[in-house]
Amino acid sequence: MAAILPNLDELPRQNASHVKNRWGDVVRQVQKTGSLAVTNHSTVEMVLLTAATYNQLVEDAQALKAREQSVLDELGRRFDVRLGVLQQPEATAQMGKLFAAKGKLGRRPKAGDTF
């Protein structure tokens, strides 16, 4: 699913003048290598990609967004369930008892069978 792309420093490079003057050669190079860094004064200004690589990047980004939305939806559902419990009529009385205890336990805590 995820497109594996080389690091920007590992891309083949062509300067902008070469891209402008020899577009056909540049297209063939991009089709051969998958991507090409275009430089201006030795600084990468843009990257040319094949249409297939671009489409794969878009699909990967959409899949990631859908996965994130799914996680957010699940968290929202769990929150609503918890909120629903707190909105029950008996929740007020239970919370009142909890606050009235002021941190005191009804019985001594048990650390474990071997302690």
PDB file of N, CA and C in Angstrom:
ATOM      1  N   MET A   1       0.822  -1.188   0.000  1.00  0.00           N
ATOM      2  CA  MET A   1       0.000   0.000   0.000  1.00  0.00           C
ATOM      3  C   MET A   1       0.861   1.245   0.000  1.00  0.00           C
ATOM      4  N   ALA A   2       1.762   1.374   0.932  1.00  0.00           N
ATOM      5  CA  ALA A   2       2.558   2.592   1.058  1.00  0.00           C
ATOM      6  C   ALA A   2       3.612   2.660  -0.037  1.00  0.00           C
ATOM      7  N   ALA A   3       3.694   3.796  -0.674  1.00  0.00           N
ATOM      8  CA  ALA A   3       4.707   4.010  -1.699  1.00  0.00           C
ATOM      9  C   ALA A   3       6.060   4.180  -1.025  1.00  0.00           C
ATOM     10  N   ILE A   4       7.040   3.439  -1.490  1.00  0.00           N
ATOM     11  CA  ILE A   4       8.379   3.561  -0.939  1.00  0.00           C
ATOM     12  C   ILE A   4       9.158   4.492  -1.860  1.00  0.00           C
ATOM     13  N   LEU A   5       9.473   5.651  -1.336  1.00  0.00           N
ATOM     14  CA  LEU A   5      10.167   6.666  -2.114  1.00  0.00           C
ATOM     15  C   LEU A   5      11.543   6.890  -1.521  1.00  0.00           C
ATOM     16  N   PRO A   6      12.514   7.149  -2.378  1.00  0.00           N
ATOM     17  CA  PRO A   6      13.853   7.427  -1.848  1.00  0.00           C
ATOM     18  C   PRO A   6      13.889   8.781  -1.144  1.00  0.00           C
ATOM     19  N   ASN A   7      14.869   8.923  -0.295  1.00  0.00           N
ATOM     20  CA  ASN A   7      15.101  10.182   0.397  1.00  0.00           C
ATOM     21  C   ASN A   7      15.421  11.263  -0.638  1.00  0.00           C
ATOM     22  N   LEU A   8      15.108  12.498  -0.335  1.00  0.00           N
ATOM     23  CA  LEU A   8      15.323  13.609  -1.272  1.00  0.00           C
ATOM     24  C   LEU A   8      16.786  13.685  -1.716  1.00  0.00           C
ATOM     25  N   ASP A   9      17.708  13.418  -0.799  1.00  0.00           N
ATOM     26  CA  ASP A   9      19.132  13.482  -1.144  1.00  0.00           C
ATOM     27  C   ASP A   9      19.568  12.361  -2.072  1.00  0.00           C
ATOM     28  N   GLU A  10      18.782  11.291  -2.161  1.00  0.00           N
ATOM     29  CA  GLU A  10      19.132  10.139  -2.987  1.00  0.00           C
ATOM     30  C   GLU A  10      18.528  10.196  -4.393  1.00  0.00           C
ATOM     31  N   LEU A  11      17.683  11.177  -4.658  1.00  0.00           N
ATOM     32  CA  LEU A  11      17.041  11.284  -5.968  1.00  0.00           C
ATOM     33  C   LEU A  11      18.031  11.725  -7.035  1.00  0.00           C
ATOM     34  N   PRO A  12      17.843  11.237  -8.268  1.00  0.00           N
ATOM     35  CA  PRO A  12      18.630  11.804  -9.359  1.00  0.00           C
ATOM     36  C   PRO A  12      18.253  13.270  -9.531  1.00  0.00           C
ATOM     37  N   ARG A  13      19.202  14.081  -9.973  1.00  0.00           N
ATOM     38  CA  ARG A  13      18.964  15.526 -10.048  1.00  0.00           C
ATOM     39  C   ARG A  13      19.220  16.060 -11.452  1.00  0.00           C
ATOM     40  N   GLN A  14      18.471  17.073 -11.784  1.00  0.00           N
ATOM     41  CA  GLN A  14      18.681  17.833 -13.013  1.00  0.00           C
ATOM     42  C   GLN A  14      18.428  19.294 -12.676  1.00  0.00           C
ATOM     43  N   ASN A  15      19.221  20.168 -13.285  1.00  0.00           N
ATOM     44  CA  ASN A  15      18.974  21.581 -13.023  1.00  0.00           C
ATOM     45  C   ASN A  15      17.792  22.060 -13.865  1.00  0.00           C
ATOM     46  N   ALA A  16      17.220  23.166 -13.461  1.00  0.00           N
ATOM     47  CA  ALA A  16      16.004  23.680 -14.088  1.00  0.00           C
ATOM     48  C   ALA A  16      16.204  23.985 -15.567  1.00  0.00           C
ATOM     49  N   SER A  17      17.380  24.472 -15.940  1.00  0.00           N
ATOM     50  CA  SER A  17      17.638  24.783 -17.356  1.00  0.00           C
ATOM     51  C   SER A  17      17.592  23.516 -18.197  1.00  0.00           C
ATOM     52  N   HIS A  18      18.164  22.433 -17.694  1.00  0.00           N
ATOM     53  CA  HIS A  18      18.148  21.163 -18.417  1.00  0.00           C
ATOM     54  C   HIS A  18      16.701  20.666 -18.559  1.00  0.00           C
ATOM     55  N   VAL A  19      15.911  20.800 -17.492  1.00  0.00           N
ATOM     56  CA  VAL A  19      14.512  20.374 -17.538  1.00  0.00           C
ATOM     57  C   VAL A  19      13.763  21.168 -18.596  1.00  0.00           C
ATOM     58  N   LYS A  20      14.007  22.466 -18.634  1.00  0.00           N
ATOM     59  CA  LYS A  20      13.327  23.335 -19.596  1.00  0.00           C
ATOM     60  C   LYS A  20      13.741  23.007 -21.033  1.00  0.00           C
ATOM     61  N   ASN A  21      15.029  22.804 -21.259  1.00  0.00           N
ATOM     62  CA  ASN A  21      15.545  22.623 -22.620  1.00  0.00           C
ATOM     63  C   ASN A  21      15.429  21.199 -23.143  1.00  0.00           C
ATOM     64  N   ARG A  22      15.375  20.223 -22.256  1.00  0.00           N
ATOM     65  CA  ARG A  22      15.348  18.819 -22.685  1.00  0.00           C
ATOM     66  C   ARG A  22      14.217  18.057 -21.998  1.00  0.00           C
ATOM     67  N   TRP A  23      13.017  18.580 -22.129  1.00  0.00           N
ATOM     68  CA  TRP A  23      11.865  18.011 -21.449  1.00  0.00           C
ATOM     69  C   TRP A  23      11.665  16.535 -21.783  1.00  0.00           C
ATOM     70  N   GLY A  24      11.819  16.155 -23.028  1.00  0.00           N
ATOM     71  CA  GLY A  24      11.639  14.754 -23.431  1.00  0.00           C
ATOM     72  C   GLY A  24      12.591  13.827 -22.691  1.00  0.00           C
ATOM     73  N   ASP A  25      13.858  14.235 -22.572  1.00  0.00           N
ATOM     74  CA  ASP A  25      14.846  13.424 -21.839  1.00  0.00           C
ATOM     75  C   ASP A  25      14.458  13.330 -20.354  1.00  0.00           C
ATOM     76  N   VAL A  26      13.975  14.430 -19.822  1.00  0.00           N
ATOM     77  CA  VAL A  26      13.584  14.454 -18.407  1.00  0.00           C
ATOM     78  C   VAL A  26      12.408  13.507 -18.174  1.00  0.00           C
ATOM     79  N   VAL A  27      11.423  13.517 -19.051  1.00  0.00           N
ATOM     80  CA  VAL A  27      10.264  12.632 -18.923  1.00  0.00           C
ATOM     81  C   VAL A  27      10.717  11.177 -18.945  1.00  0.00           C
ATOM     82  N   ARG A  28      11.612  10.827 -19.860  1.00  0.00           N
ATOM     83  CA  ARG A  28      12.113   9.455 -19.922  1.00  0.00           C
ATOM     84  C   ARG A  28      12.861   9.084 -18.639  1.00  0.00           C
ATOM     85  N   GLN A  29      13.632  10.013 -18.099  1.00  0.00           N
ATOM     86  CA  GLN A  29      14.367   9.741 -16.872  1.00  0.00           C
ATOM     87  C   GLN A  29      13.412   9.538 -15.697  1.00  0.00           C
ATOM     88  N   VAL A  30      12.363  10.352 -15.610  1.00  0.00           N
ATOM     89  CA  VAL A  30      11.381  10.197 -14.533  1.00  0.00           C
ATOM     90  C   VAL A  30      10.661   8.858 -14.676  1.00  0.00           C
ATOM     91  N   GLN A  31      10.321   8.473 -15.895  1.00  0.00           N
ATOM     92  CA  GLN A  31       9.658   7.188 -16.107  1.00  0.00           C
ATOM     93  C   GLN A  31      10.585   6.032 -15.737  1.00  0.00           C
ATOM     94  N   LYS A  32      11.863   6.215 -15.956  1.00  0.00           N
ATOM     95  CA  LYS A  32      12.841   5.168 -15.642  1.00  0.00           C
ATOM     96  C   LYS A  32      13.098   5.075 -14.136  1.00  0.00           C
ATOM     97  N   THR A  33      13.261   6.206 -13.469  1.00  0.00           N
ATOM     98  CA  THR A  33      13.650   6.207 -12.055  1.00  0.00           C
ATOM     99  C   THR A  33      12.474   6.398 -11.105  1.00  0.00           C
ATOM    100  N   GLY A  34      11.337   6.884 -11.595  1.00  0.00           N
ATOM    101  CA  GLY A  34      10.174   7.102 -10.738  1.00  0.00           C
ATOM    102  C   GLY A  34      10.041   8.520 -10.236  1.00  0.00           C
ATOM    103  N   SER A  35      11.166   9.214 -10.062  1.00  0.00           N
ATOM    104  CA  SER A  35      11.120  10.604  -9.596  1.00  0.00           C
ATOM    105  C   SER A  35      12.438  11.282  -9.924  1.00  0.00           C
ATOM    106  N   LEU A  36      12.408  12.602  -9.897  1.00  0.00           N
ATOM    107  CA  LEU A  36      13.581  13.393 -10.251  1.00  0.00           C
ATOM    108  C   LEU A  36      13.539  14.705  -9.488  1.00  0.00           C
ATOM    109  N   ALA A  37      14.648  15.063  -8.868  1.00  0.00           N
ATOM    110  CA  ALA A  37      14.747  16.336  -8.161  1.00  0.00           C
ATOM    111  C   ALA A  37      15.196  17.404  -9.148  1.00  0.00           C
ATOM    112  N   VAL A  38      14.475  18.508  -9.182  1.00  0.00           N
ATOM    113  CA  VAL A  38      14.832  19.626 -10.052  1.00  0.00           C
ATOM    114  C   VAL A  38      15.500  20.683  -9.184  1.00  0.00           C
ATOM    115  N   THR A  39      16.687  21.085  -9.601  1.00  0.00           N
ATOM    116  CA  THR A  39      17.465  22.021  -8.793  1.00  0.00           C
ATOM    117  C   THR A  39      17.583  23.375  -9.477  1.00  0.00           C
ATOM    118  N   ASN A  40      17.818  24.368  -8.643  1.00  0.00           N
ATOM    119  CA  ASN A  40      18.133  25.703  -9.115  1.00  0.00           C
ATOM    120  C   ASN A  40      19.253  26.198  -8.210  1.00  0.00           C
ATOM    121  N   HIS A  41      20.420  26.465  -8.785  1.00  0.00           N
ATOM    122  CA  HIS A  41      21.608  26.846  -8.015  1.00  0.00           C
ATOM    123  C   HIS A  41      21.916  25.807  -6.934  1.00  0.00           C
ATOM    124  N   SER A  42      21.861  24.532  -7.328  1.00  0.00           N
ATOM    125  CA  SER A  42      22.188  23.376  -6.476  1.00  0.00           C
ATOM    126  C   SER A  42      21.219  23.154  -5.313  1.00  0.00           C
ATOM    127  N   THR A  43      20.105  23.841  -5.315  1.00  0.00           N
ATOM    128  CA  THR A  43      19.105  23.656  -4.269  1.00  0.00           C
ATOM    129  C   THR A  43      17.876  22.995  -4.892  1.00  0.00           C
ATOM    130  N   VAL A  44      17.413  21.909  -4.277  1.00  0.00           N
ATOM    131  CA  VAL A  44      16.226  21.230  -4.796  1.00  0.00           C
ATOM    132  C   VAL A  44      15.018  22.128  -4.590  1.00  0.00           C
ATOM    133  N   GLU A  45      14.327  22.417  -5.685  1.00  0.00           N
ATOM    134  CA  GLU A  45      13.142  23.267  -5.624  1.00  0.00           C
ATOM    135  C   GLU A  45      11.855  22.487  -5.802  1.00  0.00           C
ATOM    136  N   MET A  46      11.919  21.357  -6.502  1.00  0.00           N
ATOM    137  CA  MET A  46      10.726  20.543  -6.695  1.00  0.00           C
ATOM    138  C   MET A  46      11.134  19.131  -7.071  1.00  0.00           C
ATOM    139  N   VAL A  47      10.155  18.241  -7.021  1.00  0.00           N
ATOM    140  CA  VAL A  47      10.377  16.850  -7.397  1.00  0.00           C
ATOM    141  C   VAL A  47       9.317  16.475  -8.425  1.00  0.00           C
ATOM    142  N   LEU A  48       9.767  15.886  -9.502  1.00  0.00           N
ATOM    143  CA  LEU A  48       8.852  15.392 -10.527  1.00  0.00           C
ATOM    144  C   LEU A  48       8.601  13.913 -10.259  1.00  0.00           C
ATOM    145  N   LEU A  49       7.332  13.511 -10.321  1.00  0.00           N
ATOM    146  CA  LEU A  49       6.938  12.128 -10.073  1.00  0.00           C
ATOM    147  C   LEU A  49       6.161  11.593 -11.262  1.00  0.00           C
ATOM    148  N   THR A  50       6.162  10.270 -11.410  1.00  0.00           N
ATOM    149  CA  THR A  50       5.282   9.674 -12.406  1.00  0.00           C
ATOM    150  C   THR A  50       3.849   9.797 -11.897  1.00  0.00           C
ATOM    151  N   ALA A  51       2.903   9.726 -12.807  1.00  0.00           N
ATOM    152  CA  ALA A  51       1.492   9.812 -12.417  1.00  0.00           C
ATOM    153  C   ALA A  51       1.125   8.648 -11.492  1.00  0.00           C
ATOM    154  N   ALA A  52       1.680   7.476 -11.738  1.00  0.00           N
ATOM    155  CA  ALA A  52       1.389   6.310 -10.890  1.00  0.00           C
ATOM    156  C   ALA A  52       1.889   6.537  -9.461  1.00  0.00           C
ATOM    157  N   THR A  53       3.065   7.113  -9.314  1.00  0.00           N
ATOM    158  CA  THR A  53       3.604   7.398  -7.987  1.00  0.00           C
ATOM    159  C   THR A  53       2.739   8.431  -7.282  1.00  0.00           C
ATOM    160  N   TYR A  54       2.343   9.462  -7.994  1.00  0.00           N
ATOM    161  CA  TYR A  54       1.477  10.489  -7.419  1.00  0.00           C
ATOM    162  C   TYR A  54       0.150   9.876  -6.957  1.00  0.00           C
ATOM    163  N   ASN A  55      -0.461   9.051  -7.817  1.00  0.00           N
ATOM    164  CA  ASN A  55      -1.728   8.419  -7.458  1.00  0.00           C
ATOM    165  C   ASN A  55      -1.570   7.536  -6.221  1.00  0.00           C
ATOM    166  N   GLN A  56      -0.443   6.819  -6.119  1.00  0.00           N
ATOM    167  CA  GLN A  56      -0.201   5.978  -4.954  1.00  0.00           C
ATOM    168  C   GLN A  56      -0.065   6.827  -3.692  1.00  0.00           C
ATOM    169  N   LEU A  57       0.611   7.968  -3.791  1.00  0.00           N
ATOM    170  CA  LEU A  57       0.730   8.870  -2.650  1.00  0.00           C
ATOM    171  C   LEU A  57      -0.630   9.388  -2.209  1.00  0.00           C
ATOM    172  N   VAL A  58      -1.478   9.739  -3.165  1.00  0.00           N
ATOM    173  CA  VAL A  58      -2.825  10.220  -2.840  1.00  0.00           C
ATOM    174  C   VAL A  58      -3.635   9.115  -2.169  1.00  0.00           C
ATOM    175  N   GLU A  59      -3.566   7.901  -2.692  1.00  0.00           N
ATOM    176  CA  GLU A  59      -4.292   6.780  -2.090  1.00  0.00           C
ATOM    177  C   GLU A  59      -3.802   6.511  -0.672  1.00  0.00           C
ATOM    178  N   ASP A  60      -2.493   6.542  -0.472  1.00  0.00           N
ATOM    179  CA  ASP A  60      -1.925   6.313   0.864  1.00  0.00           C
ATOM    180  C   ASP A  60      -2.383   7.389   1.840  1.00  0.00           C
ATOM    181  N   ALA A  61      -2.395   8.640   1.390  1.00  0.00           N
ATOM    182  CA  ALA A  61      -2.831   9.738   2.260  1.00  0.00           C
ATOM    183  C   ALA A  61      -4.309   9.586   2.609  1.00  0.00           C
ATOM    184  N   GLN A  62      -5.133   9.192   1.649  1.00  0.00           N
ATOM    185  CA  GLN A  62      -6.557   9.002   1.908  1.00  0.00           C
ATOM    186  C   GLN A  62      -6.795   7.832   2.855  1.00  0.00           C
ATOM    187  N   ALA A  63      -6.017   6.750   2.686  1.00  0.00           N
ATOM    188  CA  ALA A  63      -6.153   5.599   3.579  1.00  0.00           C
ATOM    189  C   ALA A  63      -5.761   5.981   5.002  1.00  0.00           C
ATOM    190  N   LEU A  64      -4.702   6.756   5.142  1.00  0.00           N
ATOM    191  CA  LEU A  64      -4.274   7.214   6.469  1.00  0.00           C
ATOM    192  C   LEU A  64      -5.342   8.090   7.111  1.00  0.00           C
ATOM    193  N   LYS A  65      -5.922   8.996   6.317  1.00  0.00           N
ATOM    194  CA  LYS A  65      -6.968   9.863   6.832  1.00  0.00           C
ATOM    195  C   LYS A  65      -8.182   9.050   7.270  1.00  0.00           C
ATOM    196  N   ALA A  66      -8.543   8.030   6.503  1.00  0.00           N
ATOM    197  CA  ALA A  66      -9.679   7.178   6.857  1.00  0.00           C
ATOM    198  C   ALA A  66      -9.392   6.400   8.134  1.00  0.00           C
ATOM    199  N   ARG A  67      -8.147   5.901   8.277  1.00  0.00           N
ATOM    200  CA  ARG A  67      -7.768   5.181   9.492  1.00  0.00           C
ATOM    201  C   ARG A  67      -7.833   6.095  10.709  1.00  0.00           C
ATOM    202  N   GLU A  68      -7.331   7.304  10.561  1.00  0.00           N
ATOM    203  CA  GLU A  68      -7.375   8.275  11.659  1.00  0.00           C
ATOM    204  C   GLU A  68      -8.822   8.603  12.029  1.00  0.00           C
ATOM    205  N   GLN A  69      -9.675   8.780  11.027  1.00  0.00           N
ATOM    206  CA  GLN A  69     -11.081   9.083  11.295  1.00  0.00           C
ATOM    207  C   GLN A  69     -11.747   7.922  12.008  1.00  0.00           C
ATOM    208  N   SER A  70     -11.395   6.693  11.634  1.00  0.00           N
ATOM    209  CA  SER A  70     -11.947   5.508  12.289  1.00  0.00           C
ATOM    210  C   SER A  70     -11.561   5.479  13.765  1.00  0.00           C
ATOM    211  N   VAL A  71     -10.304   5.795  14.066  1.00  0.00           N
ATOM    212  CA  VAL A  71      -9.846   5.828  15.460  1.00  0.00           C
ATOM    213  C   VAL A  71     -10.583   6.927  16.225  1.00  0.00           C
ATOM    214  N   LEU A  72     -10.718   8.097  15.622  1.00  0.00           N
ATOM    215  CA  LEU A  72     -11.445   9.191  16.272  1.00  0.00           C
ATOM    216  C   LEU A  72     -12.906   8.827  16.512  1.00  0.00           C
ATOM    217  N   ASP A  73     -13.529   8.167  15.552  1.00  0.00           N
ATOM    218  CA  ASP A  73     -14.920   7.752  15.710  1.00  0.00           C
ATOM    219  C   ASP A  73     -15.056   6.765  16.872  1.00  0.00           C
ATOM    220  N   GLU A  74     -14.124   5.824  16.980  1.00  0.00           N
ATOM    221  CA  GLU A  74     -14.152   4.853  18.077  1.00  0.00           C
ATOM    222  C   GLU A  74     -13.964   5.542  19.425  1.00  0.00           C
ATOM    223  N   LEU A  75     -13.024   6.476  19.507  1.00  0.00           N
ATOM    224  CA  LEU A  75     -12.827   7.224  20.746  1.00  0.00           C
ATOM    225  C   LEU A  75     -14.078   8.026  21.108  1.00  0.00           C
ATOM    226  N   GLY A  76     -14.704   8.629  20.124  1.00  0.00           N
ATOM    227  CA  GLY A  76     -15.933   9.372  20.354  1.00  0.00           C
ATOM    228  C   GLY A  76     -17.041   8.467  20.857  1.00  0.00           C
ATOM    229  N   ARG A  77     -17.133   7.259  20.294  1.00  0.00           N
ATOM    230  CA  ARG A  77     -18.151   6.304  20.736  1.00  0.00           C
ATOM    231  C   ARG A  77     -17.906   5.894  22.194  1.00  0.00           C
ATOM    232  N   ARG A  78     -16.634   5.597  22.524  1.00  0.00           N
ATOM    233  CA  ARG A  78     -16.300   5.212  23.903  1.00  0.00           C
ATOM    234  C   ARG A  78     -16.577   6.359  24.879  1.00  0.00           C
ATOM    235  N   PHE A  79     -16.277   7.583  24.476  1.00  0.00           N
ATOM    236  CA  PHE A  79     -16.561   8.745  25.313  1.00  0.00           C
ATOM    237  C   PHE A  79     -18.063   8.873  25.567  1.00  0.00           C
ATOM    238  N   ASP A  80     -18.849   8.709  24.500  1.00  0.00           N
ATOM    239  CA  ASP A  80     -20.307   8.818  24.635  1.00  0.00           C
ATOM    240  C   ASP A  80     -20.857   7.759  25.590  1.00  0.00           C
ATOM    241  N   VAL A  81     -20.286   6.539  25.549  1.00  0.00           N
ATOM    242  CA  VAL A  81     -20.720   5.482  26.463  1.00  0.00           C
ATOM    243  C   VAL A  81     -20.414   5.881  27.899  1.00  0.00           C
ATOM    244  N   ARG A  82     -19.211   6.369  28.151  1.00  0.00           N
ATOM    245  CA  ARG A  82     -18.837   6.790  29.504  1.00  0.00           C
ATOM    246  C   ARG A  82     -19.674   7.973  29.978  1.00  0.00           C
ATOM    247  N   LEU A  83     -19.896   8.909  29.098  1.00  0.00           N
ATOM    248  CA  LEU A  83     -20.725  10.062  29.442  1.00  0.00           C
ATOM    249  C   LEU A  83     -22.147   9.622  29.761  1.00  0.00           C
ATOM    250  N   GLY A  84     -22.646   8.645  29.006  1.00  0.00           N
ATOM    251  CA  GLY A  84     -23.981   8.119  29.261  1.00  0.00           C
ATOM    252  C   GLY A  84     -24.099   7.511  30.650  1.00  0.00           C
ATOM    253  N   VAL A  85     -23.040   6.829  31.094  1.00  0.00           N
ATOM    254  CA  VAL A  85     -23.045   6.255  32.444  1.00  0.00           C
ATOM    255  C   VAL A  85     -23.113   7.365  33.485  1.00  0.00           C
ATOM    256  N   LEU A  86     -22.366   8.430  33.269  1.00  0.00           N
ATOM    257  CA  LEU A  86     -22.362   9.540  34.224  1.00  0.00           C
ATOM    258  C   LEU A  86     -23.686  10.302  34.240  1.00  0.00           C
ATOM    259  N   GLN A  87     -24.460  10.200  33.194  1.00  0.00           N
ATOM    260  CA  GLN A  87     -25.723  10.917  33.126  1.00  0.00           C
ATOM    261  C   GLN A  87     -26.902  10.106  33.664  1.00  0.00           C
ATOM    262  N   GLN A  88     -26.640   8.888  34.139  1.00  0.00           N
ATOM    263  CA  GLN A  88     -27.695   8.068  34.743  1.00  0.00           C
ATOM    264  C   GLN A  88     -28.126   8.697  36.073  1.00  0.00           C
ATOM    265  N   PRO A  89     -29.388   8.537  36.466  1.00  0.00           N
ATOM    266  CA  PRO A  89     -29.870   9.147  37.716  1.00  0.00           C
ATOM    267  C   PRO A  89     -29.083   8.708  38.954  1.00  0.00           C
ATOM    268  N   GLU A  90     -28.669   7.448  39.023  1.00  0.00           N
ATOM    269  CA  GLU A  90     -27.950   6.968  40.208  1.00  0.00           C
ATOM    270  C   GLU A  90     -26.494   7.427  40.245  1.00  0.00           C
ATOM    271  N   ALA A  91     -25.985   7.970  39.156  1.00  0.00           N
ATOM    272  CA  ALA A  91     -24.592   8.420  39.115  1.00  0.00           C
ATOM    273  C   ALA A  91     -24.361   9.584  40.066  1.00  0.00           C
ATOM    274  N   THR A  92     -25.326  10.456  40.217  1.00  0.00           N
ATOM    275  CA  THR A  92     -25.172  11.607  41.112  1.00  0.00           C
ATOM    276  C   THR A  92     -24.959  11.147  42.546  1.00  0.00           C
ATOM    277  N   ALA A  93     -25.747  10.164  42.984  1.00  0.00           N
ATOM    278  CA  ALA A  93     -25.607   9.652  44.351  1.00  0.00           C
ATOM    279  C   ALA A  93     -24.267   8.957  44.533  1.00  0.00           C
ATOM    280  N   GLN A  94     -23.846   8.186  43.543  1.00  0.00           N
ATOM    281  CA  GLN A  94     -22.567   7.487  43.638  1.00  0.00           C
ATOM    282  C   GLN A  94     -21.401   8.468  43.674  1.00  0.00           C
ATOM    283  N   MET A  95     -21.480   9.513  42.879  1.00  0.00           N
ATOM    284  CA  MET A  95     -20.415  10.529  42.894  1.00  0.00           C
ATOM    285  C   MET A  95     -20.406  11.266  44.233  1.00  0.00           C
ATOM    286  N   GLY A  96     -21.584  11.520  44.797  1.00  0.00           N
ATOM    287  CA  GLY A  96     -21.674  12.157  46.110  1.00  0.00           C
ATOM    288  C   GLY A  96     -21.001  11.326  47.183  1.00  0.00           C
ATOM    289  N   LYS A  97     -21.223  10.003  47.147  1.00  0.00           N
ATOM    290  CA  LYS A  97     -20.576   9.102  48.114  1.00  0.00           C
ATOM    291  C   LYS A  97     -19.058   9.117  47.933  1.00  0.00           C
ATOM    292  N   LEU A  98     -18.620   9.139  46.689  1.00  0.00           N
ATOM    293  CA  LEU A  98     -17.188   9.147  46.401  1.00  0.00           C
ATOM    294  C   LEU A  98     -16.531  10.413  46.942  1.00  0.00           C
ATOM    295  N   PHE A  99     -17.152  11.563  46.727  1.00  0.00           N
ATOM    296  CA  PHE A  99     -16.587  12.821  47.223  1.00  0.00           C
ATOM    297  C   PHE A  99     -16.678  12.924  48.746  1.00  0.00           C
ATOM    298  N   ALA A 100     -17.704  12.344  49.331  1.00  0.00           N
ATOM    299  CA  ALA A 100     -17.862  12.379  50.786  1.00  0.00           C
ATOM    300  C   ALA A 100     -16.790  11.546  51.477  1.00  0.00           C
ATOM    301  N   ALA A 101     -16.259  10.538  50.816  1.00  0.00           N
ATOM    302  CA  ALA A 101     -15.228   9.681  51.406  1.00  0.00           C
ATOM    303  C   ALA A 101     -13.931  10.456  51.630  1.00  0.00           C
ATOM    304  N   LYS A 102     -13.706  11.512  50.895  1.00  0.00           N
ATOM    305  CA  LYS A 102     -12.531  12.382  51.022  1.00  0.00           C
ATOM    306  C   LYS A 102     -11.217  11.604  51.046  1.00  0.00           C
ATOM    307  N   GLY A 103     -11.129  10.611  50.172  1.00  0.00           N
ATOM    308  CA  GLY A 103      -9.884   9.858  50.040  1.00  0.00           C
ATOM    309  C   GLY A 103      -9.708   8.747  51.052  1.00  0.00           C
ATOM    310  N   LYS A 104     -10.678   8.509  51.915  1.00  0.00           N
ATOM    311  CA  LYS A 104     -10.580   7.446  52.914  1.00  0.00           C
ATOM    312  C   LYS A 104     -11.178   6.172  52.341  1.00  0.00           C
ATOM    313  N   LEU A 105     -10.481   5.057  52.597  1.00  0.00           N
ATOM    314  CA  LEU A 105     -10.953   3.776  52.104  1.00  0.00           C
ATOM    315  C   LEU A 105     -11.839   3.114  53.146  1.00  0.00           C
ATOM    316  N   GLY A 106     -12.785   2.328  52.688  1.00  0.00           N
ATOM    317  CA  GLY A 106     -13.667   1.608  53.586  1.00  0.00           C
ATOM    318  C   GLY A 106     -12.957   0.459  54.285  1.00  0.00           C
ATOM    319  N   ARG A 107     -11.969  -0.111  53.630  1.00  0.00           N
ATOM    320  CA  ARG A 107     -11.191  -1.199  54.232  1.00  0.00           C
ATOM    321  C   ARG A 107      -9.733  -1.040  53.848  1.00  0.00           C
ATOM    322  N   ARG A 108      -8.890  -1.746  54.521  1.00  0.00           N
ATOM    323  CA  ARG A 108      -7.452  -1.667  54.291  1.00  0.00           C
ATOM    324  C   ARG A 108      -7.101  -2.296  52.939  1.00  0.00           C
ATOM    325  N   PRO A 109      -6.229  -1.661  52.148  1.00  0.00           N
ATOM    326  CA  PRO A 109      -5.869  -2.241  50.857  1.00  0.00           C
ATOM    327  C   PRO A 109      -5.032  -3.507  51.031  1.00  0.00           C
ATOM    328  N   LYS A 110      -5.208  -4.418  50.086  1.00  0.00           N
ATOM    329  CA  LYS A 110      -4.456  -5.668  50.106  1.00  0.00           C
ATOM    330  C   LYS A 110      -3.390  -5.582  49.026  1.00  0.00           C
ATOM    331  N   ALA A 111      -2.132  -5.792  49.438  1.00  0.00           N
ATOM    332  CA  ALA A 111      -1.017  -5.654  48.500  1.00  0.00           C
ATOM    333  C   ALA A 111      -0.810  -6.930  47.694  1.00  0.00           C
ATOM    334  N   GLY A 112      -1.315  -8.053  48.142  1.00  0.00           N
ATOM    335  CA  GLY A 112      -1.135  -9.292  47.429  1.00  0.00           C
ATOM    336  C   GLY A 112      -1.061 -10.460  48.397  1.00  0.00           C
ATOM    337  N   ASP A 113      -1.145 -11.668  47.895  1.00  0.00           N
ATOM    338  CA  ASP A 113      -1.153 -12.847  48.744  1.00  0.00           C
ATOM    339  C   ASP A 113       0.176 -13.061  49.459  1.00  0.00           C
ATOM    340  N   THR A 114       1.290 -12.681  48.847  1.00  0.00           N
ATOM    341  CA  THR A 114       2.598 -12.953  49.452  1.00  0.00           C
ATOM    342  C   THR A 114       3.161 -11.789  50.228  1.00  0.00           C
ATOM    343  N   PHE A 115       2.466 -10.696  50.326  1.00  0.00           N
ATOM    344  CA  PHE A 115       3.024  -9.525  51.002  1.00  0.00           C
ATOM    345  C   PHE A 115       2.746  -9.584  52.479  1.00  0.00           C
TER     346      PHE A 115
END
